[in-house]
Amino acid sequence: MTSITKPLIKAGLAAGFTAASMSLSTGVAYADLMNWEAVA
């Protein structure tokens, strides 16, 4: 059961993280990317 549940949990967390990232405004996302490039 756990061998089947672990991948599902990982996929669910990845999907949730992606949805949370996409829920942010694109302007803020682009600003964050620009700030990271400026720091690098």
C-alpha atoms as a PDB file:
ATOM      1  CA  MET A   1       0.000   0.000   0.000  1.00  0.00           C
ATOM      2  CA  THR A   2       2.747   2.442   0.917  1.00  0.00           C
ATOM      3  CA  SER A   3       4.696   1.700  -2.271  1.00  0.00           C
ATOM      4  CA  ILE A   4       1.618   2.824  -4.214  1.00  0.00           C
ATOM      5  CA  THR A   5       0.755   5.735  -1.934  1.00  0.00           C
ATOM      6  CA  LYS A   6       4.178   7.411  -1.887  1.00  0.00           C
ATOM      7  CA  PRO A   7       4.270   8.273  -5.633  1.00  0.00           C
ATOM      8  CA  LEU A   8       0.683   9.495  -5.441  1.00  0.00           C
ATOM      9  CA  ILE A   9       1.530  11.777  -2.515  1.00  0.00           C
ATOM     10  CA  LYS A  10       4.606  13.105  -4.341  1.00  0.00           C
ATOM     11  CA  ALA A  11       2.543  13.740  -7.475  1.00  0.00           C
ATOM     12  CA  GLY A  12      -0.141  15.447  -5.418  1.00  0.00           C
ATOM     13  CA  LEU A  13       2.385  17.698  -3.686  1.00  0.00           C
ATOM     14  CA  ALA A  14       3.998  18.568  -7.025  1.00  0.00           C
ATOM     15  CA  ALA A  15       0.601  19.375  -8.553  1.00  0.00           C
ATOM     16  CA  GLY A  16      -0.371  21.446  -5.514  1.00  0.00           C
ATOM     17  CA  PHE A  17       2.909  23.367  -5.607  1.00  0.00           C
ATOM     18  CA  THR A  18       2.491  24.022  -9.329  1.00  0.00           C
ATOM     19  CA  ALA A  19      -1.095  25.198  -8.833  1.00  0.00           C
ATOM     20  CA  ALA A  20      -0.002  27.492  -5.996  1.00  0.00           C
ATOM     21  CA  SER A  21       2.777  28.942  -8.155  1.00  0.00           C
ATOM     22  CA  MET A  22       0.423  29.514 -11.086  1.00  0.00           C
ATOM     23  CA  SER A  23      -2.192  31.088  -8.800  1.00  0.00           C
ATOM     24  CA  LEU A  24       0.241  33.932  -8.118  1.00  0.00           C
ATOM     25  CA  SER A  25       0.052  36.876 -10.480  1.00  0.00           C
ATOM     26  CA  THR A  26       2.393  36.528 -13.462  1.00  0.00           C
ATOM     27  CA  GLY A  27       3.768  40.011 -12.790  1.00  0.00           C
ATOM     28  CA  VAL A  28       5.015  38.939  -9.380  1.00  0.00           C
ATOM     29  CA  ALA A  29       6.436  35.714 -10.817  1.00  0.00           C
ATOM     30  CA  TYR A  30       8.352  37.605 -13.490  1.00  0.00           C
ATOM     31  CA  ALA A  31       9.587  40.115 -10.897  1.00  0.00           C
ATOM     32  CA  ASP A  32      10.905  37.251  -8.767  1.00  0.00           C
ATOM     33  CA  LEU A  33      12.697  35.745 -11.766  1.00  0.00           C
ATOM     34  CA  MET A  34      14.277  39.097 -12.600  1.00  0.00           C
ATOM     35  CA  ASN A  35      15.403  39.569  -8.989  1.00  0.00           C
ATOM     36  CA  TRP A  36      17.010  36.119  -8.979  1.00  0.00           C
ATOM     37  CA  GLU A  37      18.865  36.899 -12.207  1.00  0.00           C
ATOM     38  CA  ALA A  38      20.021  40.221 -10.772  1.00  0.00           C
ATOM     39  CA  VAL A  39      21.347  38.432  -7.680  1.00  0.00           C
ATOM     40  CA  ALA A  40      23.083  35.804  -9.805  1.00  0.00           C
END
